[in-house]
């Protein structure tokens, strides 16, 4: 959900930047906004959306990297030696 919101912010910020650079014919000075303010707003909006989308695409849950097209958790298995060590720690008496 958050990644969709980040991508939407990127698209909307990009549209505002297209207005600022003159690729979309909208007269923002007629609305009452200075041109530099439109550029600053579009830049901040675009890069904040990029940051949210990038964070959501690379975030981890419990130290495990999210992967796949729908960002499912990929569970990793412990190596056999680590399992044996974990069993030894649990099965040893406290005095030993």
N, C-alpha and C. Protein backbone atom coordinates (compact mmCIF):
# COMPACT_ATOMS: atom_id res chain seq x y z
N UNK A 1 0.83 -1.19 0.00
CA UNK A 1 0.00 0.00 0.00
C UNK A 1 0.87 1.26 0.00
N UNK A 2 1.89 1.26 0.86
CA UNK A 2 2.74 2.44 0.96
C UNK A 2 3.56 2.65 -0.30
N UNK A 3 3.96 1.56 -0.94
CA UNK A 3 4.75 1.70 -2.16
C UNK A 3 3.89 2.32 -3.27
N UNK A 4 2.61 2.00 -3.31
CA UNK A 4 1.71 2.61 -4.29
C UNK A 4 1.57 4.10 -4.02
N UNK A 5 1.49 4.46 -2.75
CA UNK A 5 1.40 5.88 -2.40
C UNK A 5 2.67 6.63 -2.79
N UNK A 6 3.82 6.01 -2.58
CA UNK A 6 5.08 6.63 -2.97
C UNK A 6 5.18 6.82 -4.48
N UNK A 7 4.76 5.81 -5.23
CA UNK A 7 4.78 5.91 -6.69
C UNK A 7 3.80 6.97 -7.18
N UNK A 8 2.64 7.08 -6.52
CA UNK A 8 1.66 8.11 -6.89
C UNK A 8 2.23 9.50 -6.63
N UNK A 9 2.90 9.68 -5.50
CA UNK A 9 3.53 10.97 -5.20
C UNK A 9 4.61 11.30 -6.24
N UNK A 10 5.34 10.30 -6.68
CA UNK A 10 6.36 10.54 -7.71
C UNK A 10 5.71 11.01 -9.01
N UNK A 11 4.62 10.38 -9.40
CA UNK A 11 3.95 10.75 -10.65
C UNK A 11 3.38 12.17 -10.55
N UNK A 12 2.73 12.47 -9.43
CA UNK A 12 2.14 13.81 -9.27
C UNK A 12 3.23 14.88 -9.17
N UNK A 13 4.30 14.58 -8.44
CA UNK A 13 5.42 15.52 -8.37
C UNK A 13 6.06 15.71 -9.73
N UNK A 14 6.16 14.65 -10.50
CA UNK A 14 6.69 14.75 -11.85
C UNK A 14 5.81 15.60 -12.74
N UNK A 15 4.48 15.50 -12.58
CA UNK A 15 3.56 16.33 -13.36
C UNK A 15 3.73 17.80 -13.01
N UNK A 16 3.91 18.09 -11.74
CA UNK A 16 4.14 19.48 -11.32
C UNK A 16 5.46 19.99 -11.91
N UNK A 17 6.48 19.14 -11.93
CA UNK A 17 7.75 19.54 -12.53
C UNK A 17 7.62 19.76 -14.04
N UNK A 18 6.79 18.97 -14.70
CA UNK A 18 6.54 19.20 -16.13
C UNK A 18 5.87 20.55 -16.36
N UNK A 19 4.99 20.94 -15.46
CA UNK A 19 4.38 22.27 -15.54
C UNK A 19 5.46 23.33 -15.34
N UNK A 20 6.32 23.13 -14.36
CA UNK A 20 7.37 24.10 -14.07
C UNK A 20 8.33 24.29 -15.25
N UNK A 21 8.71 23.19 -15.88
CA UNK A 21 9.66 23.28 -17.00
C UNK A 21 8.98 23.65 -18.33
N UNK A 22 7.67 23.78 -18.34
CA UNK A 22 6.96 24.25 -19.52
C UNK A 22 6.50 23.17 -20.47
N UNK A 23 6.59 21.91 -20.10
CA UNK A 23 6.14 20.82 -20.97
C UNK A 23 4.62 20.65 -20.95
N UNK A 24 3.99 21.06 -19.86
CA UNK A 24 2.52 21.09 -19.79
C UNK A 24 2.08 22.54 -19.77
N UNK A 25 1.21 22.95 -20.68
CA UNK A 25 0.86 24.36 -20.81
C UNK A 25 -0.14 24.83 -19.74
N UNK A 26 0.35 25.12 -18.56
CA UNK A 26 -0.48 25.64 -17.47
C UNK A 26 0.17 26.92 -16.99
N UNK A 27 -0.62 27.99 -16.88
CA UNK A 27 -0.10 29.27 -16.43
C UNK A 27 -0.27 29.36 -14.91
N UNK A 28 0.78 29.01 -14.18
CA UNK A 28 0.70 29.01 -12.72
C UNK A 28 0.78 30.42 -12.15
N UNK A 29 1.35 31.36 -12.89
CA UNK A 29 1.40 32.74 -12.39
C UNK A 29 0.02 33.37 -12.40
N UNK A 30 -0.86 32.92 -13.30
CA UNK A 30 -2.24 33.41 -13.33
C UNK A 30 -3.04 32.93 -12.14
N UNK A 31 -2.66 31.79 -11.59
CA UNK A 31 -3.35 31.25 -10.40
C UNK A 31 -2.90 32.00 -9.15
N UNK A 32 -1.70 32.57 -9.18
CA UNK A 32 -1.21 33.33 -8.04
C UNK A 32 0.02 32.73 -7.38
N UNK A 33 0.58 31.70 -7.99
CA UNK A 33 1.78 31.09 -7.43
C UNK A 33 3.02 31.56 -8.18
N UNK A 34 4.06 31.94 -7.48
CA UNK A 34 5.32 32.24 -8.19
C UNK A 34 5.87 30.98 -8.83
N UNK A 35 6.54 31.14 -9.94
CA UNK A 35 7.04 29.99 -10.71
C UNK A 35 8.06 29.18 -9.91
N UNK A 36 8.93 29.84 -9.15
CA UNK A 36 9.95 29.14 -8.39
C UNK A 36 9.31 28.27 -7.30
N UNK A 37 8.16 28.71 -6.77
CA UNK A 37 7.49 27.94 -5.72
C UNK A 37 6.92 26.64 -6.30
N UNK A 38 6.43 26.69 -7.52
CA UNK A 38 5.92 25.49 -8.18
C UNK A 38 7.05 24.50 -8.40
N UNK A 39 8.21 25.00 -8.82
CA UNK A 39 9.36 24.12 -9.03
C UNK A 39 9.84 23.49 -7.73
N UNK A 40 9.88 24.29 -6.66
CA UNK A 40 10.31 23.75 -5.37
C UNK A 40 9.32 22.72 -4.85
N UNK A 41 8.03 23.01 -4.97
CA UNK A 41 7.00 22.08 -4.52
C UNK A 41 7.06 20.77 -5.30
N UNK A 42 7.19 20.85 -6.62
CA UNK A 42 7.26 19.65 -7.44
C UNK A 42 8.49 18.82 -7.14
N UNK A 43 9.62 19.49 -6.91
CA UNK A 43 10.86 18.77 -6.60
C UNK A 43 10.75 18.04 -5.27
N UNK A 44 10.25 18.74 -4.25
CA UNK A 44 10.10 18.11 -2.93
C UNK A 44 9.11 16.96 -3.00
N UNK A 45 8.00 17.16 -3.69
CA UNK A 45 6.98 16.12 -3.79
C UNK A 45 7.51 14.89 -4.53
N UNK A 46 8.24 15.11 -5.63
CA UNK A 46 8.80 14.01 -6.40
C UNK A 46 9.81 13.21 -5.59
N UNK A 47 10.76 13.91 -4.94
CA UNK A 47 11.80 13.19 -4.22
C UNK A 47 11.29 12.56 -2.92
N UNK A 48 10.27 13.14 -2.30
CA UNK A 48 9.69 12.47 -1.13
C UNK A 48 8.98 11.19 -1.55
N UNK A 49 8.29 11.22 -2.69
CA UNK A 49 7.67 10.00 -3.21
C UNK A 49 8.70 8.96 -3.58
N UNK A 50 9.80 9.40 -4.16
CA UNK A 50 10.90 8.48 -4.50
C UNK A 50 11.47 7.85 -3.23
N UNK A 51 11.63 8.64 -2.19
CA UNK A 51 12.15 8.12 -0.93
C UNK A 51 11.23 7.09 -0.30
N UNK A 52 9.93 7.38 -0.28
CA UNK A 52 8.96 6.43 0.29
C UNK A 52 8.94 5.14 -0.52
N UNK A 53 8.90 5.25 -1.84
CA UNK A 53 8.86 4.05 -2.68
C UNK A 53 10.14 3.24 -2.54
N UNK A 54 11.29 3.91 -2.50
CA UNK A 54 12.56 3.18 -2.36
C UNK A 54 12.66 2.51 -1.00
N UNK A 55 12.22 3.19 0.05
CA UNK A 55 12.26 2.58 1.38
C UNK A 55 11.36 1.35 1.45
N UNK A 56 10.15 1.48 0.94
CA UNK A 56 9.22 0.35 0.99
C UNK A 56 9.68 -0.82 0.14
N UNK A 57 10.37 -0.53 -0.95
CA UNK A 57 10.84 -1.61 -1.82
C UNK A 57 12.03 -2.35 -1.22
N UNK A 58 12.76 -1.72 -0.32
CA UNK A 58 13.97 -2.35 0.23
C UNK A 58 13.89 -2.63 1.72
N UNK A 59 12.76 -2.38 2.36
CA UNK A 59 12.71 -2.57 3.81
C UNK A 59 12.74 -4.05 4.18
N UNK A 60 13.13 -4.32 5.40
CA UNK A 60 13.21 -5.68 5.89
C UNK A 60 12.24 -5.87 7.04
N UNK A 61 11.83 -7.11 7.24
CA UNK A 61 10.98 -7.47 8.37
C UNK A 61 11.74 -8.50 9.17
N UNK A 62 12.02 -8.21 10.41
CA UNK A 62 12.77 -9.11 11.29
C UNK A 62 14.12 -9.48 10.70
N UNK A 63 14.76 -8.54 10.03
CA UNK A 63 16.08 -8.78 9.49
C UNK A 63 16.11 -9.58 8.20
N UNK A 64 14.96 -9.89 7.65
CA UNK A 64 14.91 -10.67 6.41
C UNK A 64 14.55 -9.73 5.27
N UNK A 65 15.28 -9.85 4.17
CA UNK A 65 15.07 -9.00 3.01
C UNK A 65 13.77 -9.39 2.31
N UNK A 66 12.96 -8.42 1.94
CA UNK A 66 11.75 -8.69 1.18
C UNK A 66 12.12 -8.83 -0.28
N UNK A 67 11.55 -9.82 -0.95
CA UNK A 67 11.88 -10.06 -2.35
C UNK A 67 10.62 -10.43 -3.12
N UNK A 68 10.75 -10.43 -4.43
CA UNK A 68 9.66 -10.88 -5.28
C UNK A 68 8.83 -9.73 -5.79
N UNK A 69 7.97 -10.02 -6.77
CA UNK A 69 7.18 -8.96 -7.37
C UNK A 69 6.17 -8.35 -6.42
N UNK A 70 5.68 -9.11 -5.45
CA UNK A 70 4.75 -8.54 -4.49
C UNK A 70 5.38 -8.44 -3.10
N UNK A 71 6.70 -8.45 -3.07
CA UNK A 71 7.47 -8.24 -1.85
C UNK A 71 7.10 -9.20 -0.74
N UNK A 72 7.13 -10.49 -1.04
CA UNK A 72 6.85 -11.48 -0.02
C UNK A 72 8.11 -11.75 0.79
N UNK A 73 7.90 -12.19 2.01
CA UNK A 73 9.03 -12.50 2.88
C UNK A 73 9.63 -13.83 2.45
N UNK A 74 10.91 -13.81 2.28
CA UNK A 74 11.62 -15.04 1.92
C UNK A 74 12.28 -15.56 3.18
N UNK A 75 11.82 -16.66 3.66
CA UNK A 75 12.35 -17.23 4.89
C UNK A 75 13.64 -17.99 4.58
N UNK A 76 14.62 -17.78 5.41
CA UNK A 76 15.89 -18.48 5.25
C UNK A 76 15.97 -19.58 6.29
N UNK A 77 16.59 -20.68 5.91
CA UNK A 77 16.76 -21.79 6.85
C UNK A 77 18.12 -21.69 7.50
N UNK A 78 18.17 -22.16 8.71
CA UNK A 78 19.46 -22.22 9.40
C UNK A 78 20.30 -23.33 8.81
N UNK A 79 21.58 -23.12 8.83
CA UNK A 79 22.50 -24.16 8.39
C UNK A 79 22.45 -25.31 9.40
N UNK A 80 22.74 -26.54 8.98
CA UNK A 80 22.67 -27.68 9.90
C UNK A 80 23.55 -27.51 11.13
N UNK A 81 24.72 -26.91 11.00
CA UNK A 81 25.59 -26.74 12.17
C UNK A 81 24.97 -25.77 13.17
N UNK A 82 24.34 -24.73 12.69
CA UNK A 82 23.70 -23.79 13.59
C UNK A 82 22.56 -24.44 14.36
N UNK A 83 21.81 -25.33 13.70
CA UNK A 83 20.75 -26.05 14.39
C UNK A 83 21.33 -26.94 15.49
N UNK A 84 22.43 -27.64 15.18
CA UNK A 84 23.03 -28.51 16.17
C UNK A 84 23.55 -27.70 17.36
N UNK A 85 24.17 -26.57 17.10
CA UNK A 85 24.66 -25.73 18.19
C UNK A 85 23.52 -25.22 19.05
N UNK A 86 22.41 -24.86 18.42
CA UNK A 86 21.26 -24.38 19.18
C UNK A 86 20.71 -25.50 20.07
N UNK A 87 20.67 -26.73 19.56
CA UNK A 87 20.19 -27.86 20.37
C UNK A 87 21.13 -28.13 21.54
N UNK A 88 22.44 -28.03 21.30
CA UNK A 88 23.40 -28.27 22.38
C UNK A 88 23.25 -27.25 23.49
N UNK A 89 23.04 -26.00 23.13
CA UNK A 89 22.87 -24.96 24.14
C UNK A 89 21.66 -25.23 25.01
N UNK A 90 20.58 -25.70 24.39
CA UNK A 90 19.36 -25.95 25.14
C UNK A 90 19.46 -27.21 25.97
N UNK A 91 20.11 -28.26 25.46
CA UNK A 91 20.12 -29.55 26.14
C UNK A 91 21.19 -29.67 27.21
N UNK A 92 22.14 -28.76 27.31
CA UNK A 92 23.18 -28.87 28.33
C UNK A 92 22.64 -28.52 29.71
N UNK A 93 23.08 -29.26 30.72
CA UNK A 93 22.67 -28.91 32.09
C UNK A 93 23.36 -27.59 32.50
N UNK A 94 22.81 -26.90 33.46
CA UNK A 94 23.33 -25.58 33.84
C UNK A 94 24.72 -25.67 34.46
N UNK A 95 25.03 -26.73 35.14
CA UNK A 95 26.33 -26.85 35.81
C UNK A 95 27.45 -27.26 34.88
N UNK A 96 27.16 -27.70 33.72
CA UNK A 96 28.19 -28.24 32.82
C UNK A 96 28.95 -27.20 32.07
